[in-house]
Protein backbone atom coordinates (compact mmCIF):
# COMPACT_ATOMS: atom_id res chain seq x y z
CA UNK A 1 0.00 0.00 0.00
CA UNK A 2 1.17 3.51 -0.80
CA UNK A 3 2.71 5.47 2.09
CA UNK A 4 0.53 8.50 1.30
CA UNK A 5 -3.27 8.53 1.35
CA UNK A 6 -4.98 9.56 -1.88
CA UNK A 7 -7.17 12.64 -1.96
CA UNK A 8 -10.98 12.29 -2.07
CA UNK A 9 -11.16 11.73 -5.86
CA UNK A 10 -7.71 10.21 -6.39
CA UNK A 11 -7.45 12.62 -9.32
CA UNK A 12 -5.40 15.70 -10.16
CA UNK A 13 -8.54 17.73 -9.42
CA UNK A 14 -8.01 16.98 -5.71
CA UNK A 15 -5.94 20.16 -6.00
CA UNK A 16 -8.35 23.08 -5.75
CA UNK A 17 -8.22 25.41 -8.73
CA UNK A 18 -7.58 22.73 -11.36
CA UNK A 19 -10.23 21.26 -13.63
CA UNK A 20 -9.89 18.68 -16.40
CA UNK A 21 -11.93 18.02 -19.52
CA UNK A 22 -11.75 15.38 -22.25
CA UNK A 23 -12.92 15.29 -25.85
CA UNK A 24 -12.32 12.76 -28.60
CA UNK A 25 -13.14 11.89 -32.20
CA UNK A 26 -14.43 8.33 -32.36
CA UNK A 27 -13.64 7.99 -36.07
CA UNK A 28 -10.02 9.02 -35.60
CA UNK A 29 -9.71 7.24 -32.26
CA UNK A 30 -7.84 10.27 -30.96
CA UNK A 31 -8.55 13.05 -28.51
CA UNK A 32 -7.55 15.90 -26.26
CA UNK A 33 -7.31 16.51 -22.52
CA UNK A 34 -7.34 20.08 -21.19
CA UNK A 35 -6.18 21.09 -17.71
CA UNK A 36 -7.72 24.48 -16.94
CA UNK A 37 -6.39 26.60 -14.07
CA UNK A 38 -8.85 28.78 -12.16
CA UNK A 39 -6.16 31.47 -11.92
CA UNK A 40 -2.72 31.91 -13.50
CA UNK A 41 -0.59 29.14 -12.02
CA UNK A 42 3.18 28.71 -11.62
CA UNK A 43 4.38 26.16 -14.17
CA UNK A 44 7.50 24.43 -15.44
CA UNK A 45 8.38 21.58 -17.79
CA UNK A 46 11.04 18.90 -18.15
CA UNK A 47 11.60 16.69 -21.21
CA UNK A 48 13.53 13.41 -21.02
CA UNK A 49 12.37 11.61 -24.14
CA UNK A 50 14.23 11.88 -27.41
CA UNK A 51 11.24 12.69 -29.63
CA UNK A 52 9.06 15.40 -28.00
CA UNK A 53 6.33 17.47 -29.63
CA UNK A 54 5.48 20.68 -27.81
CA UNK A 55 4.05 24.21 -27.95
CA UNK A 56 5.06 27.18 -25.77
CA UNK A 57 7.39 25.20 -23.52
CA UNK A 58 10.33 27.62 -23.87
CA UNK A 59 8.41 30.31 -21.98
CA UNK A 60 8.34 28.00 -18.93
CA UNK A 61 12.10 28.26 -18.45
CA UNK A 62 12.90 29.89 -15.07
CA UNK A 63 14.78 32.78 -16.68
CA UNK A 64 11.87 33.83 -18.91
CA UNK A 65 9.21 36.48 -18.30
CA UNK A 66 5.91 34.60 -18.01
CA UNK A 67 5.93 32.39 -14.91
CA UNK A 68 2.26 31.34 -14.88
CA UNK A 69 -0.08 29.55 -17.26
CA UNK A 70 -3.85 29.56 -17.76
CA UNK A 71 -4.12 25.97 -18.97
CA UNK A 72 -2.17 22.97 -20.24
CA UNK A 73 -3.03 20.61 -23.08
CA UNK A 74 -2.24 16.93 -23.65
CA UNK A 75 -3.27 15.77 -27.12
CA UNK A 76 -3.14 12.92 -29.57
CA UNK A 77 -2.57 13.59 -33.25
CA UNK A 78 1.19 14.04 -33.36
CA UNK A 79 2.12 17.56 -34.54
CA UNK A 80 -1.43 18.08 -35.80
CA UNK A 81 -2.58 17.82 -32.18
CA UNK A 82 -0.73 20.99 -31.24
CA UNK A 83 -3.72 22.84 -32.74
CA UNK A 84 -5.68 21.73 -29.65
CA UNK A 85 -4.01 24.51 -27.66
CA UNK A 86 -5.58 27.07 -30.00
CA UNK A 87 -9.03 25.75 -29.10
CA UNK A 88 -8.29 25.96 -25.39
CA UNK A 89 -6.86 29.43 -25.91
CA UNK A 90 -10.07 30.48 -27.67
CA UNK A 91 -12.14 29.16 -24.75
CA UNK A 92 -10.05 31.14 -22.26
CA UNK A 93 -10.23 34.29 -24.39
CA UNK A 94 -14.02 33.98 -24.33
CA UNK A 95 -13.74 34.07 -20.52
CA UNK A 96 -11.56 37.20 -20.60
CA UNK A 97 -8.55 35.20 -19.38
CA UNK A 98 -4.92 35.73 -20.33
CA UNK A 99 -1.61 37.50 -19.78
CA UNK A 100 -2.09 41.27 -20.02
CA UNK A 101 -0.16 42.87 -22.90
CA UNK A 102 -1.29 46.47 -23.20
CA UNK A 103 -5.00 46.40 -24.01
CA UNK A 104 -4.89 42.73 -24.94
CA UNK A 105 -5.06 39.48 -23.01
CA UNK A 106 -3.18 36.48 -24.31
CA UNK A 107 -4.09 33.11 -22.71
CA UNK A 108 -0.94 31.09 -21.98
CA UNK A 109 -1.52 27.45 -22.98
CA UNK A 110 1.53 25.17 -23.34
CA UNK A 111 0.87 21.80 -24.94
CA UNK A 112 2.41 18.39 -25.61
CA UNK A 113 1.37 15.68 -28.05
CA UNK A 114 1.62 11.95 -28.56
CA UNK A 115 1.56 9.95 -31.79
CA UNK A 116 -1.66 7.97 -32.34
CA UNK A 117 -2.22 8.54 -36.07
CA UNK A 118 -2.27 4.80 -36.71
CA UNK A 119 -5.19 4.25 -34.35
CA UNK A 120 -7.82 4.64 -37.09
CA UNK A 121 -5.55 3.67 -39.97
CA UNK A 122 -5.86 7.04 -41.70
CA UNK A 123 -6.17 10.75 -41.05
CA UNK A 124 -9.75 11.38 -42.05
CA UNK A 125 -10.14 15.13 -42.17
CA UNK A 126 -10.23 17.85 -44.78
CA UNK A 127 -7.95 20.86 -45.02
CA UNK A 128 -7.60 21.28 -41.26
CA UNK A 129 -7.35 18.63 -38.54
CA UNK A 130 -10.07 18.56 -35.84
CA UNK A 131 -7.84 19.19 -32.84
CA UNK A 132 -8.59 22.90 -32.44
CA UNK A 133 -12.30 22.13 -32.00
CA UNK A 134 -11.51 19.15 -29.78
CA UNK A 135 -9.39 21.45 -27.60
CA UNK A 136 -12.27 23.90 -27.22
CA UNK A 137 -14.66 21.05 -26.40
CA UNK A 138 -12.27 19.62 -23.80
CA UNK A 139 -11.86 23.00 -22.10
CA UNK A 140 -15.63 23.55 -22.14
CA UNK A 141 -16.12 20.15 -20.47
CA UNK A 142 -13.53 20.78 -17.76
CA UNK A 143 -14.62 19.99 -14.23
CA UNK A 144 -13.63 18.20 -11.04
CA UNK A 145 -14.64 14.73 -12.26
CA UNK A 146 -13.43 13.19 -15.50
CA UNK A 147 -13.02 9.74 -17.03
CA UNK A 148 -9.79 7.75 -17.19
CA UNK A 149 -8.60 5.11 -19.63
CA UNK A 150 -9.58 5.35 -23.30
CA UNK A 151 -10.56 9.00 -23.03
CA UNK A 152 -9.18 12.38 -24.08
CA UNK A 153 -5.52 12.27 -25.02
CA UNK A 154 -5.46 8.56 -24.11
CA UNK A 155 -8.16 7.54 -26.61
CA UNK A 156 -5.85 5.95 -29.20
CA UNK A 157 -2.81 5.32 -27.01
CA UNK A 158 -1.00 1.97 -26.85
CA UNK A 159 2.02 0.51 -25.08
CA UNK A 160 4.22 -2.47 -25.95
CA UNK A 161 1.77 -5.05 -24.57
CA UNK A 162 -1.55 -3.38 -23.74
CA UNK A 163 -3.70 -0.41 -24.65
CA UNK A 164 -2.50 2.83 -23.14
CA UNK A 165 -4.77 5.55 -21.86
CA UNK A 166 -5.32 8.51 -19.56
CA UNK A 167 -4.50 8.10 -15.88
CA UNK A 168 -4.52 10.17 -12.71
CA UNK A 169 -3.71 9.76 -9.01
CA UNK A 170 -3.19 11.92 -5.93
CA UNK A 171 -1.60 11.81 -2.48
CA UNK A 172 -1.84 13.89 0.67
CA UNK A 173 1.46 14.38 2.52
CA UNK A 174 2.07 14.58 6.25
CA UNK A 175 2.19 18.39 6.14
CA UNK A 176 -1.22 18.55 4.43
CA UNK A 177 0.16 19.33 0.97
CA UNK A 178 -1.44 17.47 -1.93
CA UNK A 179 0.49 16.25 -4.97
CA UNK A 180 -1.22 14.69 -7.96
CA UNK A 181 -0.54 13.48 -11.48
CA UNK A 182 -2.32 13.31 -14.82
CA UNK A 183 -0.76 11.33 -17.66
CA UNK A 184 -1.45 10.10 -21.19
CA UNK A 185 0.45 6.84 -21.75
CA UNK A 186 1.51 5.89 -25.29
CA UNK A 187 4.89 4.46 -24.30
CA UNK A 188 7.38 2.47 -26.38
CA UNK A 189 7.95 0.24 -23.37
CA UNK A 190 5.75 -1.98 -21.22
CA UNK A 191 3.80 -1.16 -18.03
CA UNK A 192 3.82 -4.82 -16.96
CA UNK A 193 6.58 -7.14 -15.78
CA UNK A 194 7.82 -9.62 -18.37
CA UNK A 195 5.01 -11.86 -19.66
CA UNK A 196 2.84 -11.24 -16.58
CA UNK A 197 -0.11 -8.88 -16.03
CA UNK A 198 1.56 -7.45 -12.90
CA UNK A 199 2.35 -3.76 -13.04
CA UNK A 200 5.84 -2.37 -12.55
CA UNK A 201 4.13 0.29 -10.39
CA UNK A 202 2.81 -2.32 -7.94
CA UNK A 203 4.92 -1.21 -4.92
CA UNK A 204 3.18 2.18 -5.01
CA UNK A 205 -0.40 0.96 -5.43
CA UNK A 206 -3.01 2.17 -2.95
CA UNK A 207 -5.55 -0.56 -2.24
CA UNK A 208 -6.60 -2.15 -5.53
CA UNK A 209 -6.63 1.00 -7.66
CA UNK A 210 -5.08 -0.89 -10.58
CA UNK A 211 -6.06 -4.46 -9.81
CA UNK A 212 -4.18 -5.24 -6.60
CA UNK A 213 -2.03 -7.99 -8.15
CA UNK A 214 1.16 -6.86 -6.43
CA UNK A 215 4.50 -8.15 -7.70
CA UNK A 216 4.68 -11.55 -9.44
CA UNK A 217 5.83 -14.60 -7.53
CA UNK A 218 7.95 -16.32 -8.61
CA UNK A 219 9.76 -13.45 -10.30
CA UNK A 220 9.58 -14.10 -14.08
CA UNK A 221 12.81 -14.93 -15.87
CA UNK A 222 11.96 -12.43 -18.62
CA UNK A 223 11.34 -9.48 -16.27
CA UNK A 224 14.46 -7.61 -17.36
CA UNK A 225 13.82 -8.08 -21.09
CA UNK A 226 13.13 -4.65 -22.65
CA UNK A 227 9.77 -5.39 -24.29
CA UNK A 228 8.91 -2.63 -26.78
CA UNK A 229 6.62 -1.87 -29.71
CA UNK A 230 7.76 -3.34 -33.03
CA UNK A 231 9.41 -1.01 -35.53
CA UNK A 232 10.16 2.00 -33.30
CA UNK A 233 9.96 5.31 -35.11
CA UNK A 234 10.81 8.77 -33.85
CA UNK A 235 7.67 10.54 -32.62
CA UNK A 236 5.55 7.39 -32.54
CA UNK A 237 5.72 6.82 -28.79
CA UNK A 238 5.26 9.17 -25.88
CA UNK A 239 4.19 9.46 -22.27
CA UNK A 240 3.12 13.02 -21.47
CA UNK A 241 1.98 14.14 -18.05
CA UNK A 242 1.34 16.83 -15.49
CA UNK A 243 2.48 16.81 -11.87
CA UNK A 244 0.64 19.31 -9.71
CA UNK A 245 0.73 20.45 -6.10
CA UNK A 246 -0.90 23.02 -3.86
CA UNK A 247 2.46 23.74 -2.22
CA UNK A 248 4.02 27.18 -2.63
CA UNK A 249 6.77 26.79 -5.23
CA UNK A 250 8.60 29.22 -7.50
CA UNK A 251 9.41 28.27 -11.09
CA UNK A 252 12.81 26.66 -10.33
CA UNK A 253 11.28 24.48 -7.59
CA UNK A 254 8.42 23.56 -9.92
CA UNK A 255 11.03 22.50 -12.46
CA UNK A 256 12.63 20.25 -9.84
CA UNK A 257 9.20 18.72 -9.18
CA UNK A 258 8.79 17.93 -12.90
CA UNK A 259 12.23 16.28 -12.90
CA UNK A 260 11.30 14.17 -9.86
CA UNK A 261 8.03 13.06 -11.47
CA UNK A 262 9.99 11.51 -14.33
CA UNK A 263 11.18 8.93 -11.81
CA UNK A 264 7.57 7.71 -11.85
CA UNK A 265 7.94 6.95 -15.55
CA UNK A 266 10.97 4.80 -14.81
CA UNK A 267 9.11 3.04 -11.96
CA UNK A 268 6.05 2.25 -14.08
CA UNK A 269 7.43 1.62 -17.59
CA UNK A 270 10.30 -0.52 -18.85
CA UNK A 271 12.10 0.83 -20.74
CA UNK A 272 11.32 4.55 -20.45
CA UNK A 273 12.84 7.79 -21.77
CA UNK A 274 14.08 6.14 -24.96
CA UNK A 275 15.28 7.85 -28.13
CA UNK A 276 11.85 7.16 -29.61
CA UNK A 277 9.69 8.46 -26.73
CA UNK A 278 8.67 12.09 -26.34
CA UNK A 279 8.48 11.77 -22.54
CA UNK A 280 7.56 15.09 -20.92
CA UNK A 281 6.23 16.31 -17.57
CA UNK A 282 4.64 19.69 -16.93
CA UNK A 283 4.55 20.90 -13.32
CA UNK A 284 1.88 23.14 -11.76
CA UNK A 285 2.06 24.76 -8.31
CA UNK A 286 -1.13 26.54 -7.19
CA UNK A 287 0.15 27.60 -3.75
CA UNK A 288 -3.32 26.95 -2.33
CA UNK A 289 -2.02 25.21 0.80
CA UNK A 290 0.08 28.25 1.83
CA UNK A 291 2.81 25.71 2.71
CA UNK A 292 6.33 26.44 1.49
CA UNK A 293 8.10 23.08 1.85
CA UNK A 294 11.18 22.91 4.07
CA UNK A 295 14.21 21.11 2.61
CA UNK A 296 13.10 17.83 4.18
CA UNK A 297 9.51 18.36 3.06
CA UNK A 298 10.76 19.08 -0.46
CA UNK A 299 12.38 15.62 -0.52
CA UNK A 300 9.09 14.03 0.54
CA UNK A 301 7.23 16.06 -2.10
CA UNK A 302 9.62 14.85 -4.81
CA UNK A 303 9.27 11.21 -3.72
CA UNK A 304 5.48 11.52 -3.66
CA UNK A 305 5.56 13.08 -7.14
CA UNK A 306 7.31 10.00 -8.50
CA UNK A 307 4.93 7.66 -6.67
CA UNK A 308 1.71 9.33 -7.86
CA UNK A 309 3.03 9.49 -11.42
CA UNK A 310 3.77 5.75 -11.35
CA UNK A 311 0.27 5.08 -9.97
CA UNK A 312 -1.33 7.32 -12.60
CA UNK A 313 0.47 5.43 -15.40
CA UNK A 314 -0.76 2.07 -14.12
CA UNK A 315 -4.29 3.43 -13.65
CA UNK A 316 -4.28 4.58 -17.29
CA UNK A 317 -3.62 1.02 -18.48
CA UNK A 318 -6.03 -0.51 -15.96
CA UNK A 319 -8.90 1.80 -16.97
CA UNK A 320 -8.53 1.39 -20.75
CA UNK A 321 -11.53 -0.18 -22.46
CA UNK A 322 -11.78 -2.33 -25.62
CA UNK A 323 -12.86 -0.76 -28.93
CA UNK A 324 -13.28 -2.30 -32.40
CA UNK A 325 -10.01 -2.26 -34.31
CA UNK A 326 -7.77 -2.03 -31.23
CA UNK A 327 -4.06 -2.42 -32.00
CA UNK A 328 -3.38 -3.84 -28.52
CA UNK A 329 -5.67 -5.67 -26.07
CA UNK A 330 -7.04 -3.80 -23.08
CA UNK A 331 -5.61 -4.94 -19.75
CA UNK A 332 -9.22 -5.61 -18.69
CA UNK A 333 -10.84 -7.26 -21.76
């Protein structure tokens, strides 16, 4: 059982001020997930995969001017999916949200994408892809409760052995701070150990949130074999996520939190951070707890970030549901 107790929803929305919405196109078997902040929120990003696809991530560097974002976007569709941020930006502009530049307001919406173009076998659209409208729909649907598995950015996701998906998890620390993760899993590697159905993330599981199988016994001889998708291609595999907390963090500390959350990738996927993955973690710090972590508390926060990210990855696979034409079986058929 996990050392930290999950929040009431066991979702990233256990952090007040964050809402999440999903939208998808059933024909394309692809979709978008929008994370909408109630107020401009401190943000950072860290990339460890070799094939990322992003929008507006440079502005999140600690030395740059804009320290806060209005929303984040995770999308399918490869580079086409970056249009989803424009839809979320339009939604926020309709609400009068955005960074003030003279008489104008510019909503700040960084985004990351995964490659799922093979999910439907073709890209069935006209001149423009549908992701801008999917982004607007996802932002419009944003709320405290949202579906996991084959939803939003996880709609067409796959891993080496099973369907991927959208996952989330949260934890409340001893000092009352909450840390939570949201992740779309389309990894090159495998979330399960060798030939078994047991999750690599098992040591961090709370209760039976992803099946309660624990670690396999006896330990399989093929556990260390790096099981991957056939024919790896740059940009075709990615795990993209958000780690969020209500602790008070500045941009450099938020960056450190994003770095720590990548340890959750390595705990839940084998292998991870390959040349052919676009692995990325955004970090959000709302400051809603009014707690500025001490050095020792910062270590606990980083460890919890890795743990909730690992749990969120396993929950994404566990919650995925079968659809006609699936390229991989769902963990729960």
